[in-house]
C-alpha atoms as a PDB file:
ATOM      1  CA  MET A   1     141.493  82.899  98.833  1.00  0.00           C
ATOM      2  CA  ILE A   2     145.171  82.015  98.332  1.00  0.00           C
ATOM      3  CA  HIS A   3     144.253  79.010  96.196  1.00  0.00           C
ATOM      4  CA  LYS A   4     142.341  81.295  93.814  1.00  0.00           C
ATOM      5  CA  LEU A   5     145.709  82.749  92.853  1.00  0.00           C
ATOM      6  CA  LEU A   6     147.196  79.389  91.887  1.00  0.00           C
ATOM      7  CA  LYS A   7     146.453  77.896  88.466  1.00  0.00           C
ATOM      8  CA  GLY A   8     146.517  74.122  88.289  1.00  0.00           C
ATOM      9  CA  LYS A   9     149.742  72.650  89.635  1.00  0.00           C
ATOM     10  CA  PRO A  10     152.637  74.862  88.572  1.00  0.00           C
ATOM     11  CA  ALA A  11     156.145  73.497  89.020  1.00  0.00           C
ATOM     12  CA  GLY A  12     157.634  76.927  89.691  1.00  0.00           C
ATOM     13  CA  LEU A  13     156.311  80.339  90.722  1.00  0.00           C
ATOM     14  CA  ILE A  14     157.598  83.735  89.597  1.00  0.00           C
ATOM     15  CA  PHE A  15     156.577  86.928  91.369  1.00  0.00           C
ATOM     16  CA  ASP A  16     156.859  90.494  90.172  1.00  0.00           C
ATOM     17  CA  LEU A  17     158.037  92.742  92.998  1.00  0.00           C
ATOM     18  CA  ASP A  18     156.575  96.262  92.958  1.00  0.00           C
ATOM     19  CA  GLY A  19     152.792  96.264  93.122  1.00  0.00           C
ATOM     20  CA  THR A  20     152.637  92.473  93.347  1.00  0.00           C
ATOM     21  CA  LEU A  21     154.657  91.222  96.312  1.00  0.00           C
ATOM     22  CA  ILE A  22     155.061  94.638  97.892  1.00  0.00           C
ATOM     23  CA  ASP A  23     153.006  97.813  98.052  1.00  0.00           C
ATOM     24  CA  SER A  24     155.567 100.369  96.961  1.00  0.00           C
ATOM     25  CA  LEU A  25     153.540 102.605  94.650  1.00  0.00           C
ATOM     26  CA  GLU A  26     153.490 105.706  96.867  1.00  0.00           C
ATOM     27  CA  LEU A  27     157.144 105.332  97.770  1.00  0.00           C
ATOM     28  CA  ASN A  28     158.155 105.031  94.109  1.00  0.00           C
ATOM     29  CA  TRP A  29     155.873 107.872  93.022  1.00  0.00           C
ATOM     30  CA  LYS A  30     157.203 110.295  95.652  1.00  0.00           C
ATOM     31  CA  ALA A  31     160.819 109.383  94.864  1.00  0.00           C
ATOM     32  CA  MET A  32     160.296 109.740  91.106  1.00  0.00           C
ATOM     33  CA  ASP A  33     158.359 112.994  91.468  1.00  0.00           C
ATOM     34  CA  SER A  34     161.147 114.531  93.556  1.00  0.00           C
ATOM     35  CA  ALA A  35     163.880 113.289  91.215  1.00  0.00           C
ATOM     36  CA  LEU A  36     162.086 114.680  88.160  1.00  0.00           C
ATOM     37  CA  ARG A  37     161.355 118.040  89.784  1.00  0.00           C
ATOM     38  CA  GLU A  38     165.054 118.437  90.547  1.00  0.00           C
ATOM     39  CA  GLN A  39     165.570 118.299  86.766  1.00  0.00           C
ATOM     40  CA  GLY A  40     162.674 120.679  86.069  1.00  0.00           C
ATOM     41  CA  VAL A  41     160.219 117.996  84.913  1.00  0.00           C
ATOM     42  CA  VAL A  42     156.748 117.948  86.461  1.00  0.00           C
ATOM     43  CA  ILE A  43     154.294 115.114  85.843  1.00  0.00           C
ATOM     44  CA  GLU A  44     150.963 114.013  87.247  1.00  0.00           C
ATOM     45  CA  ARG A  45     150.771 110.986  89.545  1.00  0.00           C
ATOM     46  CA  GLN A  46     148.529 109.103  87.084  1.00  0.00           C
ATOM     47  CA  GLU A  47     151.115 109.392  84.320  1.00  0.00           C
ATOM     48  CA  PHE A  48     153.627 107.628  86.548  1.00  0.00           C
ATOM     49  CA  ILE A  49     151.084 104.972  87.534  1.00  0.00           C
ATOM     50  CA  ASP A  50     150.310 104.294  83.873  1.00  0.00           C
ATOM     51  CA  LEU A  51     154.002 103.602  83.238  1.00  0.00           C
ATOM     52  CA  THR A  52     154.565 101.206  86.127  1.00  0.00           C
ATOM     53  CA  GLY A  53     155.757  97.743  85.241  1.00  0.00           C
ATOM     54  CA  ARG A  54     158.549  99.073  83.051  1.00  0.00           C
ATOM     55  CA  SER A  55     162.175  99.539  84.049  1.00  0.00           C
ATOM     56  CA  ILE A  56     163.136 102.855  85.631  1.00  0.00           C
ATOM     57  CA  GLU A  57     165.295 103.582  82.580  1.00  0.00           C
ATOM     58  CA  GLU A  58     162.350 103.165  80.229  1.00  0.00           C
ATOM     59  CA  ILE A  59     160.010 105.176  82.448  1.00  0.00           C
ATOM     60  CA  THR A  60     162.534 108.013  82.611  1.00  0.00           C
ATOM     61  CA  ASP A  61     163.086 107.998  78.840  1.00  0.00           C
ATOM     62  CA  ILE A  62     159.347 108.104  78.157  1.00  0.00           C
ATOM     63  CA  ILE A  63     158.720 110.940  80.606  1.00  0.00           C
ATOM     64  CA  VAL A  64     161.555 113.252  79.525  1.00  0.00           C
ATOM     65  CA  THR A  65     160.673 112.679  75.856  1.00  0.00           C
ATOM     66  CA  ARG A  66     156.952 113.275  76.431  1.00  0.00           C
ATOM     67  CA  HIS A  67     157.625 116.471  78.320  1.00  0.00           C
ATOM     68  CA  GLY A  68     160.017 117.874  75.746  1.00  0.00           C
ATOM     69  CA  ARG A  69     163.036 117.616  78.029  1.00  0.00           C
ATOM     70  CA  PRO A  70     165.578 115.539  76.079  1.00  0.00           C
ATOM     71  CA  ASP A  71     168.300 117.615  77.789  1.00  0.00           C
ATOM     72  CA  ALA A  72     167.295 116.342  81.241  1.00  0.00           C
ATOM     73  CA  ASP A  73     170.000 114.303  82.936  1.00  0.00           C
ATOM     74  CA  ARG A  74     168.470 110.820  82.808  1.00  0.00           C
ATOM     75  CA  LYS A  75     171.256 109.235  84.862  1.00  0.00           C
ATOM     76  CA  ALA A  76     170.831 111.852  87.592  1.00  0.00           C
ATOM     77  CA  ILE A  77     167.049 111.282  87.673  1.00  0.00           C
ATOM     78  CA  ILE A  78     167.466 107.519  87.964  1.00  0.00           C
ATOM     79  CA  ALA A  79     170.209 107.747  90.600  1.00  0.00           C
ATOM     80  CA  ARG A  80     168.226 110.243  92.691  1.00  0.00           C
ATOM     81  CA  LYS A  81     165.002 108.230  92.430  1.00  0.00           C
ATOM     82  CA  ARG A  82     166.826 105.110  93.592  1.00  0.00           C
ATOM     83  CA  GLU A  83     168.521 106.980  96.435  1.00  0.00           C
ATOM     84  CA  LEU A  84     165.224 108.424  97.692  1.00  0.00           C
ATOM     85  CA  ALA A  85     163.318 105.137  97.384  1.00  0.00           C
ATOM     86  CA  ASN A  86     166.081 103.096  99.000  1.00  0.00           C
ATOM     87  CA  SER A  87     166.320 105.504 101.931  1.00  0.00           C
ATOM     88  CA  HIS A  88     162.669 104.773 102.741  1.00  0.00           C
ATOM     89  CA  ALA A  89     162.686 100.989 102.225  1.00  0.00           C
ATOM     90  CA  ASP A  90     161.259 100.448 105.702  1.00  0.00           C
ATOM     91  CA  ASP A  91     158.052 102.217 104.608  1.00  0.00           C
ATOM     92  CA  VAL A  92     157.229  99.395 102.191  1.00  0.00           C
ATOM     93  CA  VAL A  93     154.773  96.688 103.204  1.00  0.00           C
ATOM     94  CA  GLU A  94     153.941  93.332 101.660  1.00  0.00           C
ATOM     95  CA  HIS A  95     150.768  92.541  99.739  1.00  0.00           C
ATOM     96  CA  LYS A  96     149.756  89.868 102.217  1.00  0.00           C
ATOM     97  CA  ILE A  97     147.659  87.673  99.929  1.00  0.00           C
ATOM     98  CA  VAL A  98     150.459  87.371  97.353  1.00  0.00           C
ATOM     99  CA  ALA A  99     153.179  87.012  99.982  1.00  0.00           C
ATOM    100  CA  ASP A 100     151.108  84.260 101.607  1.00  0.00           C
ATOM    101  CA  VAL A 101     151.188  82.291  98.333  1.00  0.00           C
ATOM    102  CA  ALA A 102     154.993  82.450  98.461  1.00  0.00           C
ATOM    103  CA  ARG A 103     154.962  81.368 102.107  1.00  0.00           C
ATOM    104  CA  LEU A 104     152.602  78.480 101.342  1.00  0.00           C
ATOM    105  CA  CYS A 105     154.762  77.202  98.476  1.00  0.00           C
ATOM    106  CA  HIS A 106     158.198  77.943  99.992  1.00  0.00           C
ATOM    107  CA  GLY A 107     160.249  74.756 100.166  1.00  0.00           C
ATOM    108  CA  LYS A 108     157.723  72.816  98.061  1.00  0.00           C
ATOM    109  CA  ILE A 109     158.457  74.203  94.592  1.00  0.00           C
ATOM    110  CA  PRO A 110     161.052  76.695  93.312  1.00  0.00           C
ATOM    111  CA  LEU A 111     160.205  80.387  93.772  1.00  0.00           C
ATOM    112  CA  ALA A 112     161.715  83.373  91.991  1.00  0.00           C
ATOM    113  CA  VAL A 113     161.260  87.111  91.799  1.00  0.00           C
ATOM    114  CA  GLY A 114     161.308  88.625  88.301  1.00  0.00           C
ATOM    115  CA  THR A 115     161.464  92.409  88.549  1.00  0.00           C
ATOM    116  CA  GLY A 116     162.269  95.512  86.570  1.00  0.00           C
ATOM    117  CA  ALA A 117     163.945  96.951  89.671  1.00  0.00           C
ATOM    118  CA  ASP A 118     167.710  96.865  90.009  1.00  0.00           C
ATOM    119  CA  GLY A 119     169.099  93.973  92.031  1.00  0.00           C
ATOM    120  CA  HIS A 120     170.230  96.022  95.027  1.00  0.00           C
ATOM    121  CA  ARG A 121     166.817  97.637  95.404  1.00  0.00           C
ATOM    122  CA  ALA A 122     164.967  94.334  94.934  1.00  0.00           C
ATOM    123  CA  ARG A 123     166.959  92.674  97.722  1.00  0.00           C
ATOM    124  CA  LEU A 124     166.639  95.731  99.952  1.00  0.00           C
ATOM    125  CA  MET A 125     162.831  95.808  99.594  1.00  0.00           C
ATOM    126  CA  LEU A 126     162.475  92.050 100.066  1.00  0.00           C
ATOM    127  CA  LYS A 127     164.646  92.181 103.167  1.00  0.00           C
ATOM    128  CA  ALA A 128     162.702  95.155 104.569  1.00  0.00           C
ATOM    129  CA  THR A 129     159.437  93.202 104.252  1.00  0.00           C
ATOM    130  CA  GLY A 130     160.908  89.949 105.581  1.00  0.00           C
ATOM    131  CA  LEU A 131     160.342  88.116 102.292  1.00  0.00           C
ATOM    132  CA  LEU A 132     163.892  87.721 100.989  1.00  0.00           C
ATOM    133  CA  ASP A 133     164.501  84.217 102.358  1.00  0.00           C
ATOM    134  CA  LEU A 134     161.425  82.799 100.608  1.00  0.00           C
ATOM    135  CA  PHE A 135     162.975  83.051  97.148  1.00  0.00           C
ATOM    136  CA  ASP A 136     165.490  80.785  95.466  1.00  0.00           C
ATOM    137  CA  HIS A 137     166.331  83.318  92.746  1.00  0.00           C
ATOM    138  CA  ILE A 138     165.968  87.007  91.981  1.00  0.00           C
ATOM    139  CA  VAL A 139     166.178  88.199  88.383  1.00  0.00           C
ATOM    140  CA  SER A 140     166.373  91.984  88.181  1.00  0.00           C
ATOM    141  CA  ALA A 141     166.841  94.640  85.518  1.00  0.00           C
ATOM    142  CA  ASP A 142     170.584  94.106  85.982  1.00  0.00           C
ATOM    143  CA  ASP A 143     170.338  90.519  84.754  1.00  0.00           C
ATOM    144  CA  VAL A 144     168.670  90.914  81.344  1.00  0.00           C
ATOM    145  CA  ASP A 145     169.106  93.157  78.325  1.00  0.00           C
ATOM    146  CA  ASN A 146     165.440  93.241  77.338  1.00  0.00           C
ATOM    147  CA  HIS A 147     162.991  94.183  80.067  1.00  0.00           C
ATOM    148  CA  LYS A 148     159.247  93.566  80.308  1.00  0.00           C
ATOM    149  CA  PRO A 149     157.195  93.290  78.088  1.00  0.00           C
ATOM    150  CA  HIS A 150     159.967  91.120  76.630  1.00  0.00           C
ATOM    151  CA  PRO A 151     159.928  87.629  78.160  1.00  0.00           C
ATOM    152  CA  ASP A 152     163.629  87.596  79.105  1.00  0.00           C
ATOM    153  CA  THR A 153     163.177  88.248  82.836  1.00  0.00           C
ATOM    154  CA  PHE A 154     160.711  85.403  83.298  1.00  0.00           C
ATOM    155  CA  LEU A 155     162.558  83.014  80.998  1.00  0.00           C
ATOM    156  CA  ARG A 156     165.726  83.607  83.021  1.00  0.00           C
ATOM    157  CA  CYS A 157     163.778  82.840  86.215  1.00  0.00           C
ATOM    158  CA  ALA A 158     162.556  79.549  84.710  1.00  0.00           C
ATOM    159  CA  GLU A 159     166.090  78.676  83.617  1.00  0.00           C
ATOM    160  CA  LEU A 160     167.525  79.333  87.081  1.00  0.00           C
ATOM    161  CA  MET A 161     164.737  77.330  88.724  1.00  0.00           C
ATOM    162  CA  GLY A 162     165.235  74.461  86.256  1.00  0.00           C
ATOM    163  CA  VAL A 163     161.545  74.519  85.347  1.00  0.00           C
ATOM    164  CA  ASP A 164     159.975  74.350  81.882  1.00  0.00           C
ATOM    165  CA  PRO A 165     158.461  77.802  81.174  1.00  0.00           C
ATOM    166  CA  ALA A 166     155.096  76.194  80.388  1.00  0.00           C
ATOM    167  CA  LEU A 167     155.017  74.869  83.965  1.00  0.00           C
ATOM    168  CA  CYS A 168     155.712  78.244  85.573  1.00  0.00           C
ATOM    169  CA  GLN A 169     153.091  80.620  86.903  1.00  0.00           C
ATOM    170  CA  VAL A 170     153.728  84.352  87.011  1.00  0.00           C
ATOM    171  CA  PHE A 171     152.107  86.754  89.477  1.00  0.00           C
ATOM    172  CA  GLU A 172     151.898  90.268  88.025  1.00  0.00           C
ATOM    173  CA  ASP A 173     150.130  93.589  88.428  1.00  0.00           C
ATOM    174  CA  GLY A 174     151.156  95.425  85.256  1.00  0.00           C
ATOM    175  CA  GLU A 175     150.409  95.104  81.568  1.00  0.00           C
ATOM    176  CA  PRO A 176     154.094  94.902  80.512  1.00  0.00           C
ATOM    177  CA  GLY A 177     154.619  92.009  82.931  1.00  0.00           C
ATOM    178  CA  LEU A 178     151.480  90.198  81.865  1.00  0.00           C
ATOM    179  CA  GLU A 179     152.570  90.530  78.241  1.00  0.00           C
ATOM    180  CA  ALA A 180     156.030  89.215  79.173  1.00  0.00           C
ATOM    181  CA  ALA A 181     154.431  86.167  80.803  1.00  0.00           C
ATOM    182  CA  ARG A 182     152.298  85.530  77.704  1.00  0.00           C
ATOM    183  CA  ARG A 183     155.349  85.817  75.453  1.00  0.00           C
ATOM    184  CA  ALA A 184     157.247  83.412  77.732  1.00  0.00           C
ATOM    185  CA  GLY A 185     154.456  80.839  77.331  1.00  0.00           C
ATOM    186  CA  MET A 186     153.768  80.792  81.057  1.00  0.00           C
ATOM    187  CA  MET A 187     150.633  80.611  83.134  1.00  0.00           C
ATOM    188  CA  TYR A 188     149.932  83.968  84.745  1.00  0.00           C
ATOM    189  CA  ILE A 189     147.529  85.831  86.953  1.00  0.00           C
ATOM    190  CA  ASP A 190     146.779  89.519  87.270  1.00  0.00           C
ATOM    191  CA  VAL A 191     146.818  90.035  91.032  1.00  0.00           C
ATOM    192  CA  ARG A 192     145.160  93.473  90.980  1.00  0.00           C
ATOM    193  CA  PRO A 193     141.606  92.176  91.589  1.00  0.00           C
ATOM    194  CA  PHE A 194     142.839  90.411  94.743  1.00  0.00           C
ATOM    195  CA  LEU A 195     144.716  93.323  96.334  1.00  0.00           C
END
């Protein structure tokens, strides 16, 4: 099954974090829901799910705009969401089939994580799941100006790995990330059918 996730012979692998390497949807939803409610914004779970794959800043901007709450304190929402999610990092589990690809290829070709999460959170979640030491590089929302669906995150991963983008394969679970991989000229796979 693991080999079904690999395309040809990539020279470098790039993994999205949330929803791809780790199963953090419920944790992120509960943290975001609580943070929004503290600012008087109530959304449905599906609305949050539909926005996953974007940075927390973009998700927050979309939600407060959609719900007619431009006065909501975006920084407070983001800080509170991060605080709540980080405090429950031990609740996160790996997506075994995707994590097993990283384990299989660790030490054979360069591996990177390309995520819309902030760097502290990315490292915290990877450490909590025991995956941190598999990766040569982590490119987070802190490291690029333009987040997914822009290709910057994945192109930075390729640069750090020293691998031609065309020889990289991206593992993703969200439309913004898949579009970013296409724009970067990389091979990619939507992992959702395998989870």
